[in-house]
N, C-alpha and C. Protein backbone atom coordinates (compact mmCIF):
# COMPACT_ATOMS: atom_id res chain seq x y z
N MET A 1 134.83 134.83 96.24
CA MET A 1 133.62 134.06 96.45
C MET A 1 132.93 134.20 97.38
N LYS A 2 131.78 134.73 97.30
CA LYS A 2 130.83 135.00 98.56
C LYS A 2 130.36 133.61 99.23
N THR A 3 130.28 133.97 100.39
CA THR A 3 129.96 132.71 101.52
C THR A 3 128.52 132.73 101.62
N VAL A 4 127.82 131.58 101.50
CA VAL A 4 126.56 131.44 101.52
C VAL A 4 125.84 131.08 102.96
N LYS A 5 125.03 131.76 103.33
CA LYS A 5 124.46 131.25 104.51
C LYS A 5 123.29 130.25 104.16
N ARG A 6 123.43 129.07 104.87
CA ARG A 6 122.36 128.20 104.63
C ARG A 6 121.41 127.89 105.95
N LYS A 7 120.43 126.94 105.82
CA LYS A 7 119.46 126.66 106.76
C LYS A 7 119.20 125.24 106.34
N SER A 8 118.54 124.60 107.57
CA SER A 8 118.25 123.33 107.43
C SER A 8 117.03 123.18 107.09
N VAL A 9 116.54 122.13 106.09
CA VAL A 9 115.10 122.24 105.93
C VAL A 9 114.49 120.73 105.97
N GLY A 10 115.35 119.77 106.42
CA GLY A 10 114.72 118.43 106.42
C GLY A 10 115.21 117.76 105.45
N THR A 11 114.99 116.40 105.66
CA THR A 11 115.53 115.27 104.81
C THR A 11 114.60 114.97 103.53
N HIS A 12 113.38 115.51 103.69
CA HIS A 12 112.36 114.97 102.65
C HIS A 12 112.58 115.85 101.50
N PHE A 13 113.26 116.86 101.31
CA PHE A 13 113.64 117.65 100.11
C PHE A 13 114.68 116.88 99.15
N SER A 14 114.51 116.63 98.20
CA SER A 14 115.44 116.13 97.30
C SER A 14 115.54 116.64 96.09
N MET A 15 116.10 118.13 96.15
CA MET A 15 116.19 118.79 94.84
C MET A 15 117.51 118.32 94.09
N CYS A 16 117.16 117.50 92.93
CA CYS A 16 118.33 117.09 92.12
C CYS A 16 118.13 117.56 90.81
N VAL A 17 119.13 118.30 90.39
CA VAL A 17 119.15 118.95 89.17
C VAL A 17 119.45 117.71 87.98
N GLN A 18 118.64 117.43 87.18
CA GLN A 18 118.65 116.23 86.26
C GLN A 18 118.33 116.40 84.97
N PRO A 19 119.01 116.36 83.84
CA PRO A 19 118.38 116.17 82.42
C PRO A 19 116.97 115.24 82.19
N ALA A 20 116.24 115.67 81.44
CA ALA A 20 114.89 114.92 81.30
C ALA A 20 115.03 114.06 80.20
N PHE A 21 114.89 112.74 80.39
CA PHE A 21 114.80 111.69 79.27
C PHE A 21 113.52 111.04 78.90
N LEU A 22 113.10 110.57 77.86
CA LEU A 22 112.02 109.75 77.48
C LEU A 22 112.56 108.26 77.40
N VAL A 23 112.34 107.41 78.14
CA VAL A 23 112.89 105.92 78.06
C VAL A 23 111.68 105.35 77.09
N GLY A 24 112.31 104.55 76.29
CA GLY A 24 111.50 104.06 75.31
C GLY A 24 111.42 102.44 75.21
N THR A 25 110.46 101.57 75.25
CA THR A 25 110.69 100.27 75.33
C THR A 25 109.66 99.58 74.36
N ASN A 26 109.63 98.62 74.12
CA ASN A 26 108.48 97.74 73.17
C ASN A 26 107.64 97.07 74.28
N ASN A 27 106.26 97.35 73.98
CA ASN A 27 105.11 96.62 74.69
C ASN A 27 105.13 95.19 74.17
N PRO A 28 104.62 94.11 75.24
CA PRO A 28 104.45 92.90 74.77
C PRO A 28 103.71 92.67 73.38
N ASP A 29 102.85 93.44 72.90
CA ASP A 29 102.37 93.53 71.54
C ASP A 29 103.15 94.17 70.38
N GLY A 30 104.45 94.81 70.83
CA GLY A 30 105.29 95.15 69.81
C GLY A 30 105.21 96.75 69.72
N SER A 31 104.20 97.36 70.08
CA SER A 31 103.84 98.51 69.98
C SER A 31 104.96 99.55 70.99
N PRO A 32 105.59 100.74 70.59
CA PRO A 32 106.10 101.53 71.41
C PRO A 32 105.72 102.13 72.69
N ASN A 33 106.38 102.24 73.68
CA ASN A 33 105.96 102.92 74.99
C ASN A 33 106.97 104.00 75.35
N PHE A 34 106.67 105.03 75.89
CA PHE A 34 107.78 105.91 76.41
C PHE A 34 107.17 106.47 77.85
N ALA A 35 108.29 106.85 78.48
CA ALA A 35 107.90 107.33 80.03
C ALA A 35 109.12 108.58 80.30
N PRO A 36 108.67 109.45 80.93
CA PRO A 36 109.68 110.48 81.38
C PRO A 36 110.41 109.83 82.60
N ILE A 37 111.65 109.97 82.38
CA ILE A 37 112.63 109.22 83.60
C ILE A 37 113.79 110.45 83.75
N THR A 38 113.96 110.94 84.94
CA THR A 38 114.97 111.98 85.00
C THR A 38 116.31 111.15 86.03
N TRP A 39 115.89 110.06 86.65
CA TRP A 39 116.96 109.72 87.41
C TRP A 39 117.96 108.83 86.63
N ILE A 40 118.56 109.51 85.94
CA ILE A 40 119.65 108.94 84.88
C ILE A 40 121.01 109.39 85.11
N SER A 41 122.07 108.61 85.13
CA SER A 41 123.51 109.13 85.11
C SER A 41 124.38 107.81 84.48
N VAL A 42 125.60 108.20 84.58
CA VAL A 42 126.39 107.17 84.11
C VAL A 42 127.68 106.66 85.19
N THR A 43 127.99 105.53 85.03
CA THR A 43 129.27 105.01 85.78
C THR A 43 130.07 104.43 84.76
N ASN A 44 131.28 104.04 85.47
CA ASN A 44 132.25 103.41 84.62
C ASN A 44 132.39 101.80 85.01
N GLU A 45 132.30 101.15 83.99
CA GLU A 45 132.54 99.74 84.40
C GLU A 45 133.91 99.09 84.26
N LYS A 46 134.59 99.40 83.34
CA LYS A 46 136.16 99.22 83.16
C LYS A 46 136.50 99.99 81.99
N ASP A 47 137.87 100.11 82.13
CA ASP A 47 138.57 100.90 80.99
C ASP A 47 137.73 102.17 80.63
N ASN A 48 137.30 102.21 79.52
CA ASN A 48 136.42 103.40 79.32
C ASN A 48 134.91 102.98 78.93
N ASP A 49 134.55 101.72 79.16
CA ASP A 49 133.07 101.31 79.21
C ASP A 49 132.12 102.06 80.18
N TYR A 50 131.53 103.07 79.40
CA TYR A 50 130.22 103.54 80.36
C TYR A 50 129.17 102.62 80.45
N LEU A 51 128.47 102.77 81.73
CA LEU A 51 127.22 102.27 81.93
C LEU A 51 126.37 103.08 82.09
N LEU A 52 125.21 103.30 81.45
CA LEU A 52 124.05 104.33 81.75
C LEU A 52 123.49 103.81 83.10
N VAL A 53 122.98 104.54 83.92
CA VAL A 53 122.52 104.22 85.04
C VAL A 53 121.09 104.96 85.02
N VAL A 54 119.96 103.90 85.14
CA VAL A 54 118.56 104.40 84.99
C VAL A 54 117.65 103.74 86.24
N SER A 55 117.26 104.69 87.10
CA SER A 55 116.51 104.35 88.08
C SER A 55 114.97 104.58 87.90
N MET A 56 114.04 103.80 88.15
CA MET A 56 112.69 104.02 87.85
C MET A 56 111.91 103.42 89.25
N PHE A 57 111.15 104.29 89.61
CA PHE A 57 110.12 104.26 90.72
C PHE A 57 108.63 103.58 90.37
N GLY A 58 108.18 102.76 91.22
CA GLY A 58 106.83 102.25 91.17
C GLY A 58 106.73 100.93 90.08
N THR A 59 105.31 100.94 89.49
CA THR A 59 105.16 99.84 88.80
C THR A 59 104.90 100.13 87.44
N LYS A 60 105.30 101.30 86.79
CA LYS A 60 105.01 101.90 85.37
C LYS A 60 105.28 100.55 84.38
N THR A 61 104.56 100.77 83.36
CA THR A 61 104.67 99.85 82.16
C THR A 61 106.03 99.76 81.70
N THR A 62 106.63 101.07 81.38
CA THR A 62 108.07 100.88 80.79
C THR A 62 108.90 100.24 81.83
N LYS A 63 108.97 100.39 83.19
CA LYS A 63 109.67 99.62 84.06
C LYS A 63 109.47 98.24 83.83
N GLN A 64 108.28 97.69 83.72
CA GLN A 64 108.01 96.27 83.45
C GLN A 64 108.53 95.66 81.92
N ASN A 65 108.36 96.65 81.18
CA ASN A 65 109.12 96.15 79.79
C ASN A 65 110.58 96.10 79.80
N VAL A 66 111.13 96.90 80.61
CA VAL A 66 112.70 96.75 80.75
C VAL A 66 112.95 95.39 81.42
N LYS A 67 112.16 95.11 82.37
CA LYS A 67 112.60 93.87 83.25
C LYS A 67 112.28 92.67 82.36
N ARG A 68 111.36 92.93 81.48
CA ARG A 68 110.82 91.73 80.64
C ARG A 68 111.81 91.53 79.57
N THR A 69 112.26 92.60 78.72
CA THR A 69 113.08 92.41 77.69
C THR A 69 114.63 92.77 77.75
N GLY A 70 114.75 93.66 78.86
CA GLY A 70 116.35 93.97 79.31
C GLY A 70 116.82 94.99 78.24
N LYS A 71 115.80 95.65 77.44
CA LYS A 71 116.25 96.38 76.33
C LYS A 71 115.37 98.02 76.53
N LEU A 72 116.16 99.08 76.16
CA LEU A 72 115.54 100.33 76.28
C LEU A 72 116.33 101.27 75.42
N SER A 73 115.56 102.37 75.13
CA SER A 73 116.19 103.56 74.57
C SER A 73 116.12 104.68 75.62
N VAL A 74 117.07 105.59 75.51
CA VAL A 74 116.86 106.56 76.53
C VAL A 74 117.38 108.11 75.71
N ASN A 75 115.94 108.58 75.54
CA ASN A 75 115.93 109.82 74.68
C ASN A 75 115.93 111.17 75.44
N LEU A 76 116.89 111.99 75.02
CA LEU A 76 117.16 113.23 75.57
C LEU A 76 115.96 114.13 75.14
N VAL A 77 115.48 114.96 76.22
CA VAL A 77 114.11 115.59 75.72
C VAL A 77 114.74 117.15 75.66
N SER A 78 114.43 117.72 74.57
CA SER A 78 114.85 119.03 74.29
C SER A 78 113.70 119.90 74.65
N THR A 79 113.86 121.15 74.62
CA THR A 79 112.74 122.20 75.02
C THR A 79 111.44 121.98 73.91
N ASP A 80 111.81 121.71 72.68
CA ASP A 80 110.60 121.72 71.83
C ASP A 80 109.98 120.16 71.89
N MET A 81 110.31 119.25 72.67
CA MET A 81 109.76 118.31 73.10
C MET A 81 109.07 118.24 74.37
N LEU A 82 108.92 119.27 75.03
CA LEU A 82 108.38 119.30 76.41
C LEU A 82 107.10 118.85 76.45
N GLY A 83 106.15 119.25 75.49
CA GLY A 83 104.76 118.85 75.37
C GLY A 83 104.70 117.37 75.24
N LEU A 84 105.32 116.62 74.47
CA LEU A 84 105.46 115.19 74.22
C LEU A 84 105.77 114.63 75.64
N MET A 85 106.84 115.13 76.27
CA MET A 85 107.21 114.56 77.84
C MET A 85 106.14 114.75 78.65
N ASP A 86 105.57 115.94 78.53
CA ASP A 86 104.40 116.18 79.65
C ASP A 86 103.27 115.31 79.36
N TYR A 87 102.89 115.25 77.88
CA TYR A 87 101.91 114.06 77.62
C TYR A 87 102.37 112.70 78.14
N PHE A 88 103.41 112.25 77.87
CA PHE A 88 103.74 110.77 78.32
C PHE A 88 103.72 110.74 79.82
N GLY A 89 104.09 111.83 80.58
CA GLY A 89 104.11 111.87 82.07
C GLY A 89 102.78 111.64 82.76
N THR A 90 101.72 112.48 82.07
CA THR A 90 100.42 112.61 82.36
C THR A 90 99.37 111.50 82.02
N HIS A 91 99.88 110.52 81.08
CA HIS A 91 99.02 109.38 80.55
C HIS A 91 99.65 108.15 80.71
N HIS A 92 99.14 107.25 81.20
CA HIS A 92 99.99 105.86 81.48
C HIS A 92 99.39 104.77 80.68
N ALA A 93 100.28 104.00 80.15
CA ALA A 93 100.25 102.82 79.18
C ALA A 93 99.06 101.81 80.08
N ALA A 94 99.04 101.74 81.42
CA ALA A 94 98.30 100.78 82.03
C ALA A 94 96.69 101.25 81.77
N ASP A 95 96.51 102.49 81.57
CA ASP A 95 95.01 102.91 81.43
C ASP A 95 94.77 103.29 80.00
N GLU A 96 95.53 103.50 79.22
CA GLU A 96 95.31 103.85 77.65
C GLU A 96 96.39 103.59 76.89
N LYS A 97 96.04 103.63 75.54
CA LYS A 97 97.35 103.73 74.54
C LYS A 97 97.70 105.14 74.33
N LYS A 98 99.15 105.29 74.43
CA LYS A 98 99.59 106.73 74.28
C LYS A 98 99.84 107.11 72.96
N ASP A 99 98.70 107.46 72.34
CA ASP A 99 98.72 107.95 71.04
C ASP A 99 97.82 109.44 70.83
N GLY A 100 97.67 109.94 72.06
CA GLY A 100 96.70 111.11 71.82
C GLY A 100 97.80 112.48 71.17
N VAL A 101 98.92 112.33 71.18
CA VAL A 101 99.57 113.41 70.42
C VAL A 101 100.53 112.86 69.34
N PRO A 102 100.70 113.48 67.91
CA PRO A 102 101.44 112.77 67.11
C PRO A 102 102.97 112.86 67.49
N TYR A 103 103.78 111.89 67.08
CA TYR A 103 105.13 111.56 67.27
C TYR A 103 105.50 110.62 66.39
N SER A 104 106.64 110.36 66.14
CA SER A 104 107.13 109.29 65.17
C SER A 104 108.52 108.81 65.81
N VAL A 105 108.76 107.29 65.53
CA VAL A 105 109.74 106.93 65.95
C VAL A 105 110.53 105.86 64.93
N CYS A 106 111.78 105.57 65.06
CA CYS A 106 112.43 104.41 64.35
C CYS A 106 112.89 103.61 65.15
N GLN A 107 113.30 102.40 64.66
CA GLN A 107 113.79 101.29 65.53
C GLN A 107 115.49 101.55 65.69
N GLY A 108 115.90 101.15 66.79
CA GLY A 108 117.39 101.39 67.24
C GLY A 108 118.18 100.45 65.89
N THR A 109 119.30 100.83 65.83
CA THR A 109 120.17 100.21 64.86
C THR A 109 121.03 99.14 65.33
N ALA A 110 121.10 99.32 66.86
CA ALA A 110 121.95 98.13 67.43
C ALA A 110 121.08 97.35 68.35
N VAL A 111 119.98 97.87 68.92
CA VAL A 111 119.19 97.33 69.95
C VAL A 111 117.65 97.44 69.48
N ASP A 112 116.95 96.53 69.50
CA ASP A 112 115.34 96.43 68.87
C ASP A 112 114.69 97.25 70.02
N VAL A 113 114.69 98.55 69.79
CA VAL A 113 114.00 99.55 70.76
C VAL A 113 113.53 100.67 69.85
N PRO A 114 112.33 101.19 70.31
CA PRO A 114 111.95 102.45 69.63
C PRO A 114 112.67 103.65 70.18
N VAL A 115 113.07 104.42 69.15
CA VAL A 115 113.86 105.59 69.38
C VAL A 115 113.15 106.96 68.86
N LEU A 116 112.81 107.92 69.65
CA LEU A 116 112.01 108.99 69.17
C LEU A 116 112.71 110.01 67.91
N ASP A 117 112.35 110.19 67.11
CA ASP A 117 112.87 110.75 65.85
C ASP A 117 113.16 112.21 66.23
N ALA A 118 112.32 112.78 67.38
CA ALA A 118 112.71 114.25 67.68
C ALA A 118 113.81 114.43 68.54
N SER A 119 114.28 113.20 69.12
CA SER A 119 115.29 113.48 70.25
C SER A 119 116.68 113.57 69.40
N ARG A 120 117.38 114.67 69.95
CA ARG A 120 118.64 115.15 69.41
C ARG A 120 119.86 114.07 69.88
N TRP A 121 119.66 113.21 70.80
CA TRP A 121 120.40 112.52 71.52
C TRP A 121 119.70 111.19 72.04
N GLY A 122 120.02 110.05 71.60
CA GLY A 122 119.55 108.75 72.06
C GLY A 122 120.24 107.89 72.18
N TYR A 123 120.22 107.16 73.32
CA TYR A 123 121.06 105.93 73.63
C TYR A 123 120.10 104.67 73.41
N GLU A 124 120.90 103.58 72.87
CA GLU A 124 120.16 102.25 72.77
C GLU A 124 120.97 101.30 73.52
N CYS A 125 120.28 100.72 74.58
CA CYS A 125 120.84 100.00 75.61
C CYS A 125 120.18 98.55 75.87
N GLU A 126 121.20 97.79 76.62
CA GLU A 126 120.86 96.42 77.22
C GLU A 126 121.12 96.19 78.62
N VAL A 127 120.46 96.06 79.58
CA VAL A 127 120.49 95.94 80.81
C VAL A 127 121.67 94.88 81.25
N ALA A 128 122.65 95.28 81.91
CA ALA A 128 123.80 94.44 82.38
C ALA A 128 123.47 93.84 83.71
N LYS A 129 122.79 94.77 84.50
CA LYS A 129 122.36 94.38 86.12
C LYS A 129 121.24 95.21 86.40
N ALA A 130 120.34 94.73 87.13
CA ALA A 130 119.31 95.39 87.97
C ALA A 130 119.48 95.17 89.54
N VAL A 131 119.25 96.30 90.14
CA VAL A 131 119.31 96.63 91.63
C VAL A 131 118.02 96.71 92.13
N GLU A 132 117.20 96.30 93.15
CA GLU A 132 116.23 96.63 93.60
C GLU A 132 116.47 97.41 95.01
N THR A 133 115.67 98.67 95.09
CA THR A 133 115.96 99.20 96.49
C THR A 133 114.33 99.63 96.71
N GLY A 134 113.74 99.05 97.56
CA GLY A 134 112.20 99.33 97.94
C GLY A 134 111.56 99.31 96.51
N ASP A 135 110.83 100.44 96.19
CA ASP A 135 109.87 100.29 95.13
C ASP A 135 110.65 100.59 93.77
N SER A 136 112.01 101.05 94.12
CA SER A 136 112.79 101.47 92.97
C SER A 136 113.65 100.27 92.26
N THR A 137 113.81 100.36 90.92
CA THR A 137 114.66 99.44 90.36
C THR A 137 115.74 100.30 89.61
N THR A 138 117.03 100.01 89.87
CA THR A 138 118.10 100.84 89.20
C THR A 138 118.62 99.88 88.16
N PHE A 139 118.67 100.24 86.89
CA PHE A 139 119.23 99.26 85.81
C PHE A 139 120.62 99.95 85.30
N PHE A 140 121.34 99.02 85.35
CA PHE A 140 122.97 99.21 84.94
C PHE A 140 123.03 98.91 83.37
N CYS A 141 122.91 99.87 82.48
CA CYS A 141 122.87 99.47 81.12
C CYS A 141 123.93 99.56 80.24
N ARG A 142 124.40 98.45 79.45
CA ARG A 142 125.55 98.51 78.38
C ARG A 142 124.99 99.77 77.30
N ILE A 143 125.58 100.67 76.96
CA ILE A 143 125.28 101.53 75.77
C ILE A 143 125.87 100.91 74.51
N ARG A 144 124.98 100.34 73.68
CA ARG A 144 125.28 99.64 72.41
C ARG A 144 125.08 100.54 71.41
N ASN A 145 124.77 101.94 71.37
CA ASN A 145 124.78 102.77 70.03
C ASN A 145 124.47 104.03 70.82
N VAL A 146 124.87 105.30 70.25
CA VAL A 146 124.29 106.57 70.52
C VAL A 146 123.97 107.22 69.38
N GLN A 147 122.80 107.64 69.09
CA GLN A 147 122.45 108.43 67.79
C GLN A 147 122.23 109.99 68.17
N VAL A 148 122.85 110.60 67.42
CA VAL A 148 123.16 112.15 67.80
C VAL A 148 122.52 112.81 66.58
N ASP A 149 122.00 113.80 66.80
CA ASP A 149 121.73 114.78 65.64
C ASP A 149 122.89 115.12 64.62
N GLU A 150 122.89 115.06 63.44
CA GLU A 150 124.06 115.25 62.77
C GLU A 150 124.54 116.64 62.77
N THR A 151 123.92 117.61 63.35
CA THR A 151 124.26 119.02 63.41
C THR A 151 125.25 119.15 64.68
N VAL A 152 125.17 118.22 65.52
CA VAL A 152 125.82 118.30 66.71
C VAL A 152 127.17 117.96 66.64
N GLU A 153 128.21 118.85 66.76
CA GLU A 153 129.50 118.23 66.81
C GLU A 153 130.14 117.43 68.13
N VAL A 154 130.74 116.27 67.81
CA VAL A 154 131.05 115.28 69.16
C VAL A 154 132.23 114.93 68.40
N SER A 155 133.52 115.41 69.33
CA SER A 155 134.75 114.97 69.23
C SER A 155 135.19 114.29 70.45
N ASP A 156 134.69 114.43 71.55
CA ASP A 156 135.01 113.83 72.71
C ASP A 156 133.78 114.07 73.79
N THR A 157 133.71 113.45 74.83
CA THR A 157 132.76 113.79 75.81
C THR A 157 132.65 115.11 76.33
N PHE A 158 133.77 115.68 76.66
CA PHE A 158 133.90 117.24 77.18
C PHE A 158 133.77 118.24 76.17
N SER A 159 133.54 117.96 74.70
CA SER A 159 133.28 118.84 73.69
C SER A 159 131.97 119.17 73.32
N ILE A 160 131.03 118.41 73.97
CA ILE A 160 129.63 118.65 73.31
C ILE A 160 129.03 119.85 74.05
N ASP A 161 128.50 120.78 73.24
CA ASP A 161 127.86 121.96 73.63
C ASP A 161 126.56 121.82 73.88
N LEU A 162 126.14 121.57 75.37
CA LEU A 162 124.70 121.53 75.53
C LEU A 162 123.68 122.28 75.09
N THR A 163 124.00 123.74 75.03
CA THR A 163 123.13 124.34 74.27
C THR A 163 122.50 124.32 72.92
N LYS A 164 123.33 123.31 72.01
CA LYS A 164 123.05 122.96 70.82
C LYS A 164 121.96 121.71 71.03
N LEU A 165 121.88 120.94 72.05
CA LEU A 165 120.92 119.90 72.35
C LEU A 165 119.65 120.43 73.08
N ASP A 166 119.87 121.83 73.70
CA ASP A 166 118.81 122.30 74.38
C ASP A 166 117.93 121.38 75.15
N PRO A 167 118.56 120.79 76.09
CA PRO A 167 117.90 120.00 77.08
C PRO A 167 116.86 120.52 78.00
N VAL A 168 115.88 119.66 78.42
CA VAL A 168 115.00 120.09 79.54
C VAL A 168 115.70 119.52 80.63
N ILE A 169 115.93 120.35 81.82
CA ILE A 169 116.30 120.03 82.96
C ILE A 169 115.24 120.07 84.19
N TYR A 170 115.27 119.00 84.78
CA TYR A 170 114.04 118.76 85.71
C TYR A 170 114.58 118.75 87.28
N SER A 171 113.94 119.52 88.03
CA SER A 171 114.22 119.55 89.50
C SER A 171 112.84 119.85 90.30
N GLY A 172 111.84 119.12 89.79
CA GLY A 172 110.58 119.26 90.37
C GLY A 172 109.54 120.22 89.50
N MET A 173 110.27 120.91 88.74
CA MET A 173 109.68 121.97 87.62
C MET A 173 110.68 121.92 86.42
N TYR A 174 110.20 122.18 85.21
CA TYR A 174 111.17 122.36 84.06
C TYR A 174 111.84 123.33 83.94
N HIS A 175 113.03 123.29 83.52
CA HIS A 175 114.19 124.31 83.28
C HIS A 175 114.84 124.29 81.94
N SER A 176 115.44 125.26 81.40
CA SER A 176 116.33 124.95 80.28
C SER A 176 117.58 125.60 80.59
N ILE A 177 118.60 125.39 79.86
CA ILE A 177 120.01 125.84 79.94
C ILE A 177 120.19 127.23 79.30
N GLY A 178 120.70 128.10 79.87
CA GLY A 178 120.83 129.56 79.29
C GLY A 178 122.06 129.70 78.48
N LYS A 179 123.17 129.26 79.03
CA LYS A 179 124.60 129.64 78.05
C LYS A 179 125.55 128.62 78.53
N ARG A 180 126.44 128.69 77.31
CA ARG A 180 127.65 127.84 77.77
C ARG A 180 128.65 128.61 78.39
N LEU A 181 129.37 128.08 79.70
CA LEU A 181 129.91 129.04 80.40
C LEU A 181 131.59 128.90 80.01
N GLY A 182 131.88 127.60 79.71
CA GLY A 182 133.19 127.21 79.35
C GLY A 182 133.53 125.83 79.75
N LYS A 183 134.94 125.51 79.62
CA LYS A 183 135.41 124.16 80.11
C LYS A 183 136.30 124.02 81.06
N ILE A 184 136.37 122.72 81.57
CA ILE A 184 137.21 122.55 82.71
C ILE A 184 138.68 123.09 82.52
N GLY A 185 139.05 124.08 83.57
CA GLY A 185 140.40 124.65 83.55
C GLY A 185 140.26 126.00 83.20
N ASP A 186 138.91 126.48 82.63
CA ASP A 186 138.95 128.05 82.24
C ASP A 186 138.76 128.90 83.38
N PHE A 187 138.54 128.33 84.54
CA PHE A 187 138.16 129.39 85.73
C PHE A 187 139.31 129.28 86.84
N SER A 188 140.15 128.26 86.69
CA SER A 188 141.14 127.91 87.86
C SER A 188 142.33 128.69 87.67
N LYS A 189 142.58 129.42 86.64
CA LYS A 189 143.54 130.13 86.20
C LYS A 189 143.87 131.49 87.15
N PRO A 190 144.93 131.71 87.41
CA PRO A 190 145.17 132.93 88.58
C PRO A 190 145.02 134.30 87.60
């Protein structure tokens, strides 16, 4: 393994490699609202109960909707959805209705939230706890249902081939996944 020479660049750089999601909520009038959010992870509450961890900065309508209803969908963005994600990210619900590009939604089957039909992986969630940190709110969400493209094989968490989901990866710019490299243990053998 090659040794890498590093340099200090200061603490204001936060290059976090993150999958891109569109978080869906219901506006007060019942219309769907989506915003791109990449600060998403999971944690374990107890046993095998995962909580989806969703952090949102600022005063966006999506964040206010989650605070009001305690419900959200979290839709993985694939590369074919990049235009939709970019549109939702550059148009704000506080300024206008987000209907400038075509998209379709269905209602969640376990939670009353809009789920994007184009998303290959979507969570339906209810907030269990919210933590405020400055202008950010982190929502710890119980996953009530996961909708997955029927062509994606799912036998356990570690078997999912991300190349089939073709996710958009964000780190200040948009990227995609190139290839599947292997599984845990494939590279530690002598």
